[in-house]
Amino acid sequence: MPGTHVDVAWYQDKTAWAAAQPFVSTTVHLTFGYRIGAALHHIMEHTAHHVDMGVPLYRLKQAQEVLETMLPGRIVIQKFSWRWYFDTARRCKLYDYDRLCWTDFSGRQTSASMLRSAPAG
């Protein structure tokens, strides 16, 4: 579920997706407490993983820190909790490419529209 978050837009065509710098804007950095991130080999340092899949697991945490320093405010950072997980699973059923928002299966909007953050063109 690393690309599913109420603050992450999805794109209908490759041109719009590429313009959105997808390796940064369409992944979520999930953070964990209690050394769970280390137990998962830092794989949820997901932005760094997507920017360069060749980064060894033991260097993902440092790579993620560099990205977040270089791109402040661009990367969605989410502290993991079961409450967040189930809320996201409930709200992010379908992505409406016309309204640029998440909906439930009935088409009811469940996230803010991402019109203002959508790439031009």
PDB file of N, CA and C in Angstrom:
ATOM      1  N   MET A   1       0.803  -1.202   0.000  1.00  0.00           N
ATOM      2  CA  MET A   1       0.000   0.000   0.000  1.00  0.00           C
ATOM      3  C   MET A   1       0.849   1.271   0.000  1.00  0.00           C
ATOM      4  N   PRO A   2       2.148   1.211  -0.319  1.00  0.00           N
ATOM      5  CA  PRO A   2       2.993   2.395  -0.252  1.00  0.00           C
ATOM      6  C   PRO A   2       2.631   3.513  -1.219  1.00  0.00           C
ATOM      7  N   GLY A   3       1.860   3.270  -2.256  1.00  0.00           N
ATOM      8  CA  GLY A   3       1.438   4.341  -3.152  1.00  0.00           C
ATOM      9  C   GLY A   3      -0.005   4.732  -2.918  1.00  0.00           C
ATOM     10  N   THR A   4      -0.587   4.257  -1.836  1.00  0.00           N
ATOM     11  CA  THR A   4      -1.978   4.569  -1.537  1.00  0.00           C
ATOM     12  C   THR A   4      -2.024   5.400  -0.269  1.00  0.00           C
ATOM     13  N   HIS A   5      -2.494   6.614  -0.428  1.00  0.00           N
ATOM     14  CA  HIS A   5      -2.573   7.568   0.675  1.00  0.00           C
ATOM     15  C   HIS A   5      -3.494   8.676   0.207  1.00  0.00           C
ATOM     16  N   VAL A   6      -4.270   9.254   1.097  1.00  0.00           N
ATOM     17  CA  VAL A   6      -5.202  10.305   0.676  1.00  0.00           C
ATOM     18  C   VAL A   6      -4.488  11.521   0.095  1.00  0.00           C
ATOM     19  N   ASP A   7      -3.193  11.674   0.350  1.00  0.00           N
ATOM     20  CA  ASP A   7      -2.434  12.810  -0.185  1.00  0.00           C
ATOM     21  C   ASP A   7      -1.602  12.463  -1.414  1.00  0.00           C
ATOM     22  N   VAL A   8      -1.793  11.267  -1.960  1.00  0.00           N
ATOM     23  CA  VAL A   8      -1.039  10.853  -3.143  1.00  0.00           C
ATOM     24  C   VAL A   8      -1.987  10.733  -4.333  1.00  0.00           C
ATOM     25  N   ALA A   9      -1.652  11.467  -5.390  1.00  0.00           N
ATOM     26  CA  ALA A   9      -2.444  11.414  -6.624  1.00  0.00           C
ATOM     27  C   ALA A   9      -1.977  10.256  -7.488  1.00  0.00           C
ATOM     28  N   TRP A  10      -2.892   9.710  -8.252  1.00  0.00           N
ATOM     29  CA  TRP A  10      -2.568   8.722  -9.270  1.00  0.00           C
ATOM     30  C   TRP A  10      -2.793   9.377 -10.619  1.00  0.00           C
ATOM     31  N   TYR A  11      -2.218   8.822 -11.666  1.00  0.00           N
ATOM     32  CA  TYR A  11      -2.258   9.455 -12.981  1.00  0.00           C
ATOM     33  C   TYR A  11      -2.745   8.478 -14.027  1.00  0.00           C
ATOM     34  N   GLN A  12      -3.573   9.005 -14.928  1.00  0.00           N
ATOM     35  CA  GLN A  12      -4.221   8.180 -15.936  1.00  0.00           C
ATOM     36  C   GLN A  12      -3.316   7.882 -17.126  1.00  0.00           C
ATOM     37  N   ASP A  13      -2.397   8.797 -17.420  1.00  0.00           N
ATOM     38  CA  ASP A  13      -1.527   8.559 -18.569  1.00  0.00           C
ATOM     39  C   ASP A  13      -0.067   8.782 -18.189  1.00  0.00           C
ATOM     40  N   LYS A  14       0.797   8.200 -18.977  1.00  0.00           N
ATOM     41  CA  LYS A  14       2.227   8.209 -18.667  1.00  0.00           C
ATOM     42  C   LYS A  14       2.816   9.616 -18.686  1.00  0.00           C
ATOM     43  N   THR A  15       2.316  10.487 -19.542  1.00  0.00           N
ATOM     44  CA  THR A  15       2.844  11.851 -19.631  1.00  0.00           C
ATOM     45  C   THR A  15       2.596  12.616 -18.333  1.00  0.00           C
ATOM     46  N   ALA A  16       1.361  12.562 -17.834  1.00  0.00           N
ATOM     47  CA  ALA A  16       1.036  13.243 -16.570  1.00  0.00           C
ATOM     48  C   ALA A  16       1.804  12.615 -15.411  1.00  0.00           C
ATOM     49  N   TRP A  17       1.913  11.295 -15.419  1.00  0.00           N
ATOM     50  CA  TRP A  17       2.643  10.585 -14.369  1.00  0.00           C
ATOM     51  C   TRP A  17       4.107  11.024 -14.353  1.00  0.00           C
ATOM     52  N   ALA A  18       4.736  11.071 -15.518  1.00  0.00           N
ATOM     53  CA  ALA A  18       6.144  11.460 -15.597  1.00  0.00           C
ATOM     54  C   ALA A  18       6.347  12.910 -15.168  1.00  0.00           C
ATOM     55  N   ALA A  19       5.414  13.799 -15.532  1.00  0.00           N
ATOM     56  CA  ALA A  19       5.519  15.211 -15.160  1.00  0.00           C
ATOM     57  C   ALA A  19       5.424  15.416 -13.643  1.00  0.00           C
ATOM     58  N   ALA A  20       4.792  14.477 -12.958  1.00  0.00           N
ATOM     59  CA  ALA A  20       4.608  14.592 -11.514  1.00  0.00           C
ATOM     60  C   ALA A  20       5.813  14.098 -10.720  1.00  0.00           C
ATOM     61  N   GLN A  21       6.891  13.751 -11.397  1.00  0.00           N
ATOM     62  CA  GLN A  21       8.084  13.195 -10.739  1.00  0.00           C
ATOM     63  C   GLN A  21       7.665  12.040  -9.823  1.00  0.00           C
ATOM     64  N   PRO A  22       7.166  10.968 -10.423  1.00  0.00           N
ATOM     65  CA  PRO A  22       6.487   9.911  -9.688  1.00  0.00           C
ATOM     66  C   PRO A  22       7.308   9.186  -8.634  1.00  0.00           C
ATOM     67  N   PHE A  23       8.610   9.113  -8.809  1.00  0.00           N
ATOM     68  CA  PHE A  23       9.394   8.385  -7.824  1.00  0.00           C
ATOM     69  C   PHE A  23       9.417   9.118  -6.488  1.00  0.00           C
ATOM     70  N   VAL A  24       9.103  10.407  -6.534  1.00  0.00           N
ATOM     71  CA  VAL A  24       9.046  11.202  -5.308  1.00  0.00           C
ATOM     72  C   VAL A  24       7.608  11.418  -4.866  1.00  0.00           C
ATOM     73  N   SER A  25       6.722  11.724  -5.810  1.00  0.00           N
ATOM     74  CA  SER A  25       5.374  12.169  -5.435  1.00  0.00           C
ATOM     75  C   SER A  25       4.342  11.059  -5.288  1.00  0.00           C
ATOM     76  N   THR A  26       4.626   9.865  -5.752  1.00  0.00           N
ATOM     77  CA  THR A  26       3.597   8.821  -5.710  1.00  0.00           C
ATOM     78  C   THR A  26       3.936   7.671  -4.764  1.00  0.00           C
ATOM     79  N   THR A  27       4.924   7.886  -3.929  1.00  0.00           N
ATOM     80  CA  THR A  27       5.257   6.877  -2.927  1.00  0.00           C
ATOM     81  C   THR A  27       5.159   7.516  -1.550  1.00  0.00           C
ATOM     82  N   VAL A  28       5.014   6.691  -0.552  1.00  0.00           N
ATOM     83  CA  VAL A  28       4.846   7.167   0.820  1.00  0.00           C
ATOM     84  C   VAL A  28       5.977   6.600   1.668  1.00  0.00           C
ATOM     85  N   HIS A  29       6.568   7.456   2.479  1.00  0.00           N
ATOM     86  CA  HIS A  29       7.568   7.002   3.443  1.00  0.00           C
ATOM     87  C   HIS A  29       6.824   6.663   4.738  1.00  0.00           C
ATOM     88  N   LEU A  30       6.665   5.372   4.982  1.00  0.00           N
ATOM     89  CA  LEU A  30       6.033   4.928   6.225  1.00  0.00           C
ATOM     90  C   LEU A  30       7.090   4.839   7.306  1.00  0.00           C
ATOM     91  N   THR A  31       6.802   5.457   8.440  1.00  0.00           N
ATOM     92  CA  THR A  31       7.723   5.375   9.570  1.00  0.00           C
ATOM     93  C   THR A  31       7.108   4.480  10.635  1.00  0.00           C
ATOM     94  N   PHE A  32       7.973   3.827  11.377  1.00  0.00           N
ATOM     95  CA  PHE A  32       7.548   2.884  12.412  1.00  0.00           C
ATOM     96  C   PHE A  32       8.301   3.185  13.699  1.00  0.00           C
ATOM     97  N   GLY A  33       7.708   2.824  14.816  1.00  0.00           N
ATOM     98  CA  GLY A  33       8.393   2.908  16.095  1.00  0.00           C
ATOM     99  C   GLY A  33       8.977   1.565  16.472  1.00  0.00           C
ATOM    100  N   TYR A  34       9.663   1.534  17.578  1.00  0.00           N
ATOM    101  CA  TYR A  34      10.139   0.283  18.187  1.00  0.00           C
ATOM    102  C   TYR A  34      11.038  -0.541  17.275  1.00  0.00           C
ATOM    103  N   ARG A  35      11.853   0.114  16.462  1.00  0.00           N
ATOM    104  CA  ARG A  35      12.816  -0.577  15.595  1.00  0.00           C
ATOM    105  C   ARG A  35      12.161  -1.503  14.558  1.00  0.00           C
ATOM    106  N   ILE A  36      10.887  -1.296  14.324  1.00  0.00           N
ATOM    107  CA  ILE A  36      10.210  -2.125  13.316  1.00  0.00           C
ATOM    108  C   ILE A  36      10.774  -1.837  11.929  1.00  0.00           C
ATOM    109  N   GLY A  37      11.101  -0.578  11.655  1.00  0.00           N
ATOM    110  CA  GLY A  37      11.693  -0.224  10.365  1.00  0.00           C
ATOM    111  C   GLY A  37      12.961  -1.013  10.102  1.00  0.00           C
ATOM    112  N   ALA A  38      13.798  -1.137  11.111  1.00  0.00           N
ATOM    113  CA  ALA A  38      15.036  -1.912  10.954  1.00  0.00           C
ATOM    114  C   ALA A  38      14.714  -3.388  10.741  1.00  0.00           C
ATOM    115  N   ALA A  39      13.719  -3.892  11.454  1.00  0.00           N
ATOM    116  CA  ALA A  39      13.339  -5.300  11.294  1.00  0.00           C
ATOM    117  C   ALA A  39      12.826  -5.572   9.876  1.00  0.00           C
ATOM    118  N   LEU A  40      12.235  -4.539   9.251  1.00  0.00           N
ATOM    119  CA  LEU A  40      11.753  -4.659   7.871  1.00  0.00           C
ATOM    120  C   LEU A  40      12.841  -4.276   6.861  1.00  0.00           C
ATOM    121  N   HIS A  41      14.065  -4.123   7.346  1.00  0.00           N
ATOM    122  CA  HIS A  41      15.216  -3.770   6.507  1.00  0.00           C
ATOM    123  C   HIS A  41      15.016  -2.429   5.808  1.00  0.00           C
ATOM    124  N   HIS A  42      14.262  -1.543   6.439  1.00  0.00           N
ATOM    125  CA  HIS A  42      14.023  -0.174   5.957  1.00  0.00           C
ATOM    126  C   HIS A  42      13.371  -0.122   4.572  1.00  0.00           C
ATOM    127  N   ILE A  43      12.703  -1.168   4.171  1.00  0.00           N
ATOM    128  CA  ILE A  43      12.089  -1.188   2.844  1.00  0.00           C
ATOM    129  C   ILE A  43      10.982  -0.140   2.710  1.00  0.00           C
ATOM    130  N   MET A  44      10.414   0.313   3.830  1.00  0.00           N
ATOM    131  CA  MET A  44       9.373   1.334   3.734  1.00  0.00           C
ATOM    132  C   MET A  44       9.952   2.749   3.676  1.00  0.00           C
ATOM    133  N   GLU A  45      11.281   2.847   3.609  1.00  0.00           N
ATOM    134  CA  GLU A  45      11.921   4.101   3.225  1.00  0.00           C
ATOM    135  C   GLU A  45      11.692   4.116   1.711  1.00  0.00           C
ATOM    136  N   HIS A  46      10.414   4.183   1.361  1.00  0.00           N
ATOM    137  CA  HIS A  46       9.960   3.794   0.046  1.00  0.00           C
ATOM    138  C   HIS A  46      10.353   4.748  -1.068  1.00  0.00           C
ATOM    139  N   THR A  47      10.436   6.024  -0.755  1.00  0.00           N
ATOM    140  CA  THR A  47      10.808   6.980  -1.792  1.00  0.00           C
ATOM    141  C   THR A  47      12.220   6.676  -2.285  1.00  0.00           C
ATOM    142  N   ALA A  48      13.141   6.494  -1.349  1.00  0.00           N
ATOM    143  CA  ALA A  48      14.526   6.186  -1.736  1.00  0.00           C
ATOM    144  C   ALA A  48      14.582   4.880  -2.521  1.00  0.00           C
ATOM    145  N   HIS A  49      13.782   3.921  -2.121  1.00  0.00           N
ATOM    146  CA  HIS A  49      13.730   2.632  -2.823  1.00  0.00           C
ATOM    147  C   HIS A  49      13.277   2.824  -4.275  1.00  0.00           C
ATOM    148  N   HIS A  50      12.311   3.702  -4.494  1.00  0.00           N
ATOM    149  CA  HIS A  50      11.811   3.929  -5.849  1.00  0.00           C
ATOM    150  C   HIS A  50      12.728   4.815  -6.673  1.00  0.00           C
ATOM    151  N   VAL A  51      13.395   5.772  -6.041  1.00  0.00           N
ATOM    152  CA  VAL A  51      14.318   6.635  -6.776  1.00  0.00           C
ATOM    153  C   VAL A  51      15.490   5.814  -7.304  1.00  0.00           C
ATOM    154  N   ASP A  52      15.988   4.913  -6.472  1.00  0.00           N
ATOM    155  CA  ASP A  52      17.111   4.065  -6.900  1.00  0.00           C
ATOM    156  C   ASP A  52      16.978   2.695  -6.246  1.00  0.00           C
ATOM    157  N   MET A  53      16.439   1.751  -6.994  1.00  0.00           N
ATOM    158  CA  MET A  53      16.229   0.410  -6.453  1.00  0.00           C
ATOM    159  C   MET A  53      17.542  -0.328  -6.215  1.00  0.00           C
ATOM    160  N   GLY A  54      18.643   0.255  -6.661  1.00  0.00           N
ATOM    161  CA  GLY A  54      19.941  -0.353  -6.442  1.00  0.00           C
ATOM    162  C   GLY A  54      20.554  -0.023  -5.088  1.00  0.00           C
ATOM    163  N   VAL A  55      19.920   0.877  -4.336  1.00  0.00           N
ATOM    164  CA  VAL A  55      20.445   1.211  -3.008  1.00  0.00           C
ATOM    165  C   VAL A  55      20.263  -0.010  -2.112  1.00  0.00           C
ATOM    166  N   PRO A  56      21.335  -0.476  -1.496  1.00  0.00           N
ATOM    167  CA  PRO A  56      21.199  -1.646  -0.615  1.00  0.00           C
ATOM    168  C   PRO A  56      20.277  -1.344   0.563  1.00  0.00           C
ATOM    169  N   LEU A  57      19.588  -2.350   1.044  1.00  0.00           N
ATOM    170  CA  LEU A  57      18.653  -2.170   2.163  1.00  0.00           C
ATOM    171  C   LEU A  57      19.299  -1.454   3.332  1.00  0.00           C
ATOM    172  N   TYR A  58      20.543  -1.782   3.640  1.00  0.00           N
ATOM    173  CA  TYR A  58      21.193  -1.185   4.805  1.00  0.00           C
ATOM    174  C   TYR A  58      21.548   0.290   4.601  1.00  0.00           C
ATOM    175  N   ARG A  59      21.347   0.820   3.372  1.00  0.00           N
ATOM    176  CA  ARG A  59      21.600   2.244   3.122  1.00  0.00           C
ATOM    177  C   ARG A  59      20.314   3.027   2.825  1.00  0.00           C
ATOM    178  N   LEU A  60      19.170   2.361   2.834  1.00  0.00           N
ATOM    179  CA  LEU A  60      17.917   3.052   2.506  1.00  0.00           C
ATOM    180  C   LEU A  60      17.585   4.165   3.494  1.00  0.00           C
ATOM    181  N   LYS A  61      17.798   3.940   4.761  1.00  0.00           N
ATOM    182  CA  LYS A  61      17.466   4.968   5.757  1.00  0.00           C
ATOM    183  C   LYS A  61      18.256   6.254   5.492  1.00  0.00           C
ATOM    184  N   GLN A  62      19.539   6.130   5.231  1.00  0.00           N
ATOM    185  CA  GLN A  62      20.362   7.309   4.946  1.00  0.00           C
ATOM    186  C   GLN A  62      19.953   7.959   3.624  1.00  0.00           C
ATOM    187  N   ALA A  63      19.649   7.147   2.617  1.00  0.00           N
ATOM    188  CA  ALA A  63      19.217   7.694   1.325  1.00  0.00           C
ATOM    189  C   ALA A  63      17.901   8.451   1.468  1.00  0.00           C
ATOM    190  N   GLN A  64      16.984   7.911   2.261  1.00  0.00           N
ATOM    191  CA  GLN A  64      15.702   8.578   2.498  1.00  0.00           C
ATOM    192  C   GLN A  64      15.921   9.923   3.184  1.00  0.00           C
ATOM    193  N   GLU A  65      16.806   9.960   4.164  1.00  0.00           N
ATOM    194  CA  GLU A  65      17.101  11.213   4.872  1.00  0.00           C
ATOM    195  C   GLU A  65      17.647  12.268   3.914  1.00  0.00           C
ATOM    196  N   VAL A  66      18.509  11.865   2.989  1.00  0.00           N
ATOM    197  CA  VAL A  66      19.056  12.794   1.996  1.00  0.00           C
ATOM    198  C   VAL A  66      17.931  13.343   1.120  1.00  0.00           C
ATOM    199  N   LEU A  67      17.072  12.472   0.627  1.00  0.00           N
ATOM    200  CA  LEU A  67      15.951  12.922  -0.213  1.00  0.00           C
ATOM    201  C   LEU A  67      15.053  13.904   0.524  1.00  0.00           C
ATOM    202  N   GLU A  68      14.720  13.598   1.764  1.00  0.00           N
ATOM    203  CA  GLU A  68      13.815  14.471   2.516  1.00  0.00           C
ATOM    204  C   GLU A  68      14.460  15.810   2.833  1.00  0.00           C
ATOM    205  N   THR A  69      15.788  15.844   2.943  1.00  0.00           N
ATOM    206  CA  THR A  69      16.504  17.105   3.126  1.00  0.00           C
ATOM    207  C   THR A  69      16.515  17.905   1.838  1.00  0.00           C
ATOM    208  N   MET A  70      16.718  17.216   0.713  1.00  0.00           N
ATOM    209  CA  MET A  70      16.784  17.882  -0.597  1.00  0.00           C
ATOM    210  C   MET A  70      15.422  18.336  -1.103  1.00  0.00           C
ATOM    211  N   LEU A  71      14.347  17.619  -0.705  1.00  0.00           N
ATOM    212  CA  LEU A  71      13.005  17.891  -1.233  1.00  0.00           C
ATOM    213  C   LEU A  71      12.003  18.111  -0.095  1.00  0.00           C
ATOM    214  N   PRO A  72      12.227  19.124   0.731  1.00  0.00           N
ATOM    215  CA  PRO A  72      11.329  19.319   1.876  1.00  0.00           C
ATOM    216  C   PRO A  72       9.887  19.572   1.429  1.00  0.00           C
ATOM    217  N   GLY A  73       8.964  18.870   2.063  1.00  0.00           N
ATOM    218  CA  GLY A  73       7.547  19.040   1.764  1.00  0.00           C
ATOM    219  C   GLY A  73       7.054  18.296   0.534  1.00  0.00           C
ATOM    220  N   ARG A  74       7.926  17.691  -0.229  1.00  0.00           N
ATOM    221  CA  ARG A  74       7.513  16.988  -1.448  1.00  0.00           C
ATOM    222  C   ARG A  74       7.174  15.528  -1.211  1.00  0.00           C
ATOM    223  N   ILE A  75       7.729  14.956  -0.147  1.00  0.00           N
ATOM    224  CA  ILE A  75       7.564  13.541   0.116  1.00  0.00           C
ATOM    225  C   ILE A  75       6.510  13.350   1.201  1.00  0.00           C
ATOM    226  N   VAL A  76       5.550  12.466   0.937  1.00  0.00           N
ATOM    227  CA  VAL A  76       4.523  12.164   1.938  1.00  0.00           C
ATOM    228  C   VAL A  76       5.144  11.234   2.973  1.00  0.00           C
ATOM    229  N   ILE A  77       5.137  11.698   4.220  1.00  0.00           N
ATOM    230  CA  ILE A  77       5.674  10.910   5.329  1.00  0.00           C
ATOM    231  C   ILE A  77       4.505  10.566   6.242  1.00  0.00           C
ATOM    232  N   GLN A  78       4.358   9.296   6.532  1.00  0.00           N
ATOM    233  CA  GLN A  78       3.217   8.827   7.332  1.00  0.00           C
ATOM    234  C   GLN A  78       3.703   7.901   8.438  1.00  0.00           C
ATOM    235  N   LYS A  79       3.374   8.244   9.670  1.00  0.00           N
ATOM    236  CA  LYS A  79       3.667   7.326  10.772  1.00  0.00           C
ATOM    237  C   LYS A  79       2.654   6.189  10.701  1.00  0.00           C
ATOM    238  N   PHE A  80       3.161   4.969  10.679  1.00  0.00           N
ATOM    239  CA  PHE A  80       2.272   3.825  10.569  1.00  0.00           C
ATOM    240  C   PHE A  80       1.513   3.606  11.873  1.00  0.00           C
ATOM    241  N   SER A  81       0.228   3.350  11.704  1.00  0.00           N
ATOM    242  CA  SER A  81      -0.610   2.856  12.802  1.00  0.00           C
ATOM    243  C   SER A  81      -1.703   2.028  12.147  1.00  0.00           C
ATOM    244  N   TRP A  82      -2.255   1.118  12.902  1.00  0.00           N
ATOM    245  CA  TRP A  82      -3.353   0.328  12.351  1.00  0.00           C
ATOM    246  C   TRP A  82      -4.555   1.209  12.063  1.00  0.00           C
ATOM    247  N   ARG A  83      -4.759   2.239  12.867  1.00  0.00           N
ATOM    248  CA  ARG A  83      -5.870   3.173  12.625  1.00  0.00           C
ATOM    249  C   ARG A  83      -5.695   3.841  11.266  1.00  0.00           C
ATOM    250  N   TRP A  84      -4.481   4.359  10.999  1.00  0.00           N
ATOM    251  CA  TRP A  84      -4.214   4.979   9.705  1.00  0.00           C
ATOM    252  C   TRP A  84      -4.418   3.963   8.575  1.00  0.00           C
ATOM    253  N   TYR A  85      -3.877   2.778   8.736  1.00  0.00           N
ATOM    254  CA  TYR A  85      -3.962   1.751   7.700  1.00  0.00           C
ATOM    255  C   TYR A  85      -5.418   1.450   7.335  1.00  0.00           C
ATOM    256  N   PHE A  86      -6.246   1.172   8.342  1.00  0.00           N
ATOM    257  CA  PHE A  86      -7.641   0.831   8.052  1.00  0.00           C
ATOM    258  C   PHE A  86      -8.425   2.026   7.526  1.00  0.00           C
ATOM    259  N   ASP A  87      -8.116   3.242   7.982  1.00  0.00           N
ATOM    260  CA  ASP A  87      -8.769   4.439   7.450  1.00  0.00           C
ATOM    261  C   ASP A  87      -8.408   4.617   5.975  1.00  0.00           C
ATOM    262  N   THR A  88      -7.150   4.401   5.639  1.00  0.00           N
ATOM    263  CA  THR A  88      -6.717   4.510   4.241  1.00  0.00           C
ATOM    264  C   THR A  88      -7.377   3.435   3.390  1.00  0.00           C
ATOM    265  N   ALA A  89      -7.414   2.221   3.897  1.00  0.00           N
ATOM    266  CA  ALA A  89      -8.057   1.129   3.157  1.00  0.00           C
ATOM    267  C   ALA A  89      -9.540   1.406   2.946  1.00  0.00           C
ATOM    268  N   ARG A  90     -10.176   2.068   3.895  1.00  0.00           N
ATOM    269  CA  ARG A  90     -11.595   2.405   3.771  1.00  0.00           C
ATOM    270  C   ARG A  90     -11.802   3.543   2.773  1.00  0.00           C
ATOM    271  N   ARG A  91     -10.948   4.542   2.804  1.00  0.00           N
ATOM    272  CA  ARG A  91     -11.139   5.732   1.987  1.00  0.00           C
ATOM    273  C   ARG A  91     -10.603   5.608   0.565  1.00  0.00           C
ATOM    274  N   CYS A  92      -9.559   4.862   0.363  1.00  0.00           N
ATOM    275  CA  CYS A  92      -8.885   4.810  -0.942  1.00  0.00           C
ATOM    276  C   CYS A  92      -9.269   3.549  -1.704  1.00  0.00           C
ATOM    277  N   LYS A  93     -10.504   3.501  -2.139  1.00  0.00           N
ATOM    278  CA  LYS A  93     -10.985   2.345  -2.914  1.00  0.00           C
ATOM    279  C   LYS A  93     -10.706   2.537  -4.400  1.00  0.00           C
ATOM    280  N   LEU A  94     -11.092   3.683  -4.929  1.00  0.00           N
ATOM    281  CA  LEU A  94     -10.923   3.989  -6.353  1.00  0.00           C
ATOM    282  C   LEU A  94     -10.358   5.397  -6.480  1.00  0.00           C
ATOM    283  N   TYR A  95      -9.603   5.633  -7.537  1.00  0.00           N
ATOM    284  CA  TYR A  95      -9.102   6.979  -7.789  1.00  0.00           C
ATOM    285  C   TYR A  95      -9.858   7.557  -8.969  1.00  0.00           C
ATOM    286  N   ASP A  96     -10.453   8.729  -8.791  1.00  0.00           N
ATOM    287  CA  ASP A  96     -11.212   9.395  -9.833  1.00  0.00           C
ATOM    288  C   ASP A  96     -10.274  10.336 -10.586  1.00  0.00           C
ATOM    289  N   TYR A  97      -9.920   9.971 -11.796  1.00  0.00           N
ATOM    290  CA  TYR A  97      -8.965  10.746 -12.584  1.00  0.00           C
ATOM    291  C   TYR A  97      -9.544  12.077 -13.064  1.00  0.00           C
ATOM    292  N   ASP A  98     -10.859  12.198 -13.157  1.00  0.00           N
ATOM    293  CA  ASP A  98     -11.463  13.458 -13.580  1.00  0.00           C
ATOM    294  C   ASP A  98     -11.488  14.467 -12.441  1.00  0.00           C
ATOM    295  N   ARG A  99     -11.860  13.999 -11.249  1.00  0.00           N
ATOM    296  CA  ARG A  99     -11.929  14.894 -10.081  1.00  0.00           C
ATOM    297  C   ARG A  99     -10.622  14.932  -9.297  1.00  0.00           C
ATOM    298  N   LEU A 100      -9.686  14.055  -9.640  1.00  0.00           N
ATOM    299  CA  LEU A 100      -8.384  13.967  -8.964  1.00  0.00           C
ATOM    300  C   LEU A 100      -8.540  13.800  -7.458  1.00  0.00           C
ATOM    301  N   CYS A 101      -9.267  12.744  -7.099  1.00  0.00           N
ATOM    302  CA  CYS A 101      -9.485  12.455  -5.681  1.00  0.00           C
ATOM    303  C   CYS A 101      -9.770  10.974  -5.507  1.00  0.00           C
ATOM    304  N   TRP A 102      -9.656  10.522  -4.278  1.00  0.00           N
ATOM    305  CA  TRP A 102     -10.021   9.150  -3.925  1.00  0.00           C
ATOM    306  C   TRP A 102     -11.509   9.084  -3.663  1.00  0.00           C
ATOM    307  N   THR A 103     -12.102   7.927  -3.973  1.00  0.00           N
ATOM    308  CA  THR A 103     -13.526   7.723  -3.729  1.00  0.00           C
ATOM    309  C   THR A 103     -13.750   6.338  -3.124  1.00  0.00           C
ATOM    310  N   ASP A 104     -14.963   6.157  -2.617  1.00  0.00           N
ATOM    311  CA  ASP A 104     -15.357   4.806  -2.211  1.00  0.00           C
ATOM    312  C   ASP A 104     -15.908   4.096  -3.451  1.00  0.00           C
ATOM    313  N   PHE A 105     -16.374   2.868  -3.291  1.00  0.00           N
ATOM    314  CA  PHE A 105     -16.862   2.114  -4.448  1.00  0.00           C
ATOM    315  C   PHE A 105     -18.124   2.714  -5.060  1.00  0.00           C
ATOM    316  N   SER A 106     -18.829   3.578  -4.312  1.00  0.00           N
ATOM    317  CA  SER A 106     -20.028   4.243  -4.845  1.00  0.00           C
ATOM    318  C   SER A 106     -19.690   5.545  -5.563  1.00  0.00           C
ATOM    319  N   GLY A 107     -18.431   5.917  -5.584  1.00  0.00           N
ATOM    320  CA  GLY A 107     -18.032   7.156  -6.251  1.00  0.00           C
ATOM    321  C   GLY A 107     -18.080   8.376  -5.360  1.00  0.00           C
ATOM    322  N   ARG A 108     -18.360   8.190  -4.071  1.00  0.00           N
ATOM    323  CA  ARG A 108     -18.364   9.325  -3.144  1.00  0.00           C
ATOM    324  C   ARG A 108     -16.928   9.717  -2.821  1.00  0.00           C
ATOM    325  N   GLN A 109     -16.650  11.016  -2.923  1.00  0.00           N
ATOM    326  CA  GLN A 109     -15.310  11.533  -2.676  1.00  0.00           C
ATOM    327  C   GLN A 109     -14.908  11.285  -1.221  1.00  0.00           C
ATOM    328  N   THR A 110     -13.707  10.731  -1.015  1.00  0.00           N
ATOM    329  CA  THR A 110     -13.232  10.430   0.337  1.00  0.00           C
ATOM    330  C   THR A 110     -11.906  11.117   0.661  1.00  0.00           C
ATOM    331  N   SER A 111     -11.404  11.934  -0.277  1.00  0.00           N
ATOM    332  CA  SER A 111     -10.189  12.715  -0.022  1.00  0.00           C
ATOM    333  C   SER A 111     -10.366  14.077  -0.665  1.00  0.00           C
ATOM    334  N   ALA A 112      -9.495  14.990  -0.286  1.00  0.00           N
ATOM    335  CA  ALA A 112      -9.510  16.304  -0.924  1.00  0.00           C
ATOM    336  C   ALA A 112      -9.104  16.143  -2.385  1.00  0.00           C
ATOM    337  N   SER A 113      -9.607  17.033  -3.241  1.00  0.00           N
ATOM    338  CA  SER A 113      -9.199  17.024  -4.638  1.00  0.00           C
ATOM    339  C   SER A 113      -7.750  17.476  -4.725  1.00  0.00           C
ATOM    340  N   MET A 114      -7.014  16.884  -5.621  1.00  0.00           N
ATOM    341  CA  MET A 114      -5.618  17.231  -5.789  1.00  0.00           C
ATOM    342  C   MET A 114      -5.412  18.146  -6.980  1.00  0.00           C
ATOM    343  N   LEU A 115      -6.475  18.875  -7.361  1.00  0.00           N
ATOM    344  CA  LEU A 115      -6.401  19.767  -8.512  1.00  0.00           C
ATOM    345  C   LEU A 115      -5.265  20.766  -8.392  1.00  0.00           C
ATOM    346  N   ARG A 116      -5.079  21.332  -7.223  1.00  0.00           N
ATOM    347  CA  ARG A 116      -4.046  22.348  -7.075  1.00  0.00           C
ATOM    348  C   ARG A 116      -2.635  21.766  -7.157  1.00  0.00           C
ATOM    349  N   SER A 117      -2.486  20.460  -6.876  1.00  0.00           N
ATOM    350  CA  SER A 117      -1.151  19.855  -6.944  1.00  0.00           C
ATOM    351  C   SER A 117      -0.917  19.072  -8.220  1.00  0.00           C
ATOM    352  N   ALA A 118      -1.928  19.082  -9.112  1.00  0.00           N
ATOM    353  CA  ALA A 118      -1.786  18.328 -10.361  1.00  0.00           C
ATOM    354  C   ALA A 118      -0.813  19.058 -11.277  1.00  0.00           C
ATOM    355  N   PRO A 119       0.002  18.316 -12.031  1.00  0.00           N
ATOM    356  CA  PRO A 119       0.944  18.954 -12.953  1.00  0.00           C
ATOM    357  C   PRO A 119       0.213  19.623 -14.104  1.00  0.00           C
ATOM    358  N   ALA A 120       0.757  20.706 -14.574  1.00  0.00           N
ATOM    359  CA  ALA A 120       0.158  21.413 -15.712  1.00  0.00           C
ATOM    360  C   ALA A 120       0.428  20.638 -16.998  1.00  0.00           C
ATOM    361  N   GLY A 121      -0.492  20.816 -17.940  1.00  0.00           N
ATOM    362  CA  GLY A 121      -0.277  20.233 -19.270  1.00  0.00           C
ATOM    363  C   GLY A 121      -0.993  18.980 -19.402  1.00  0.00           C
TER     364      GLY A 121
END
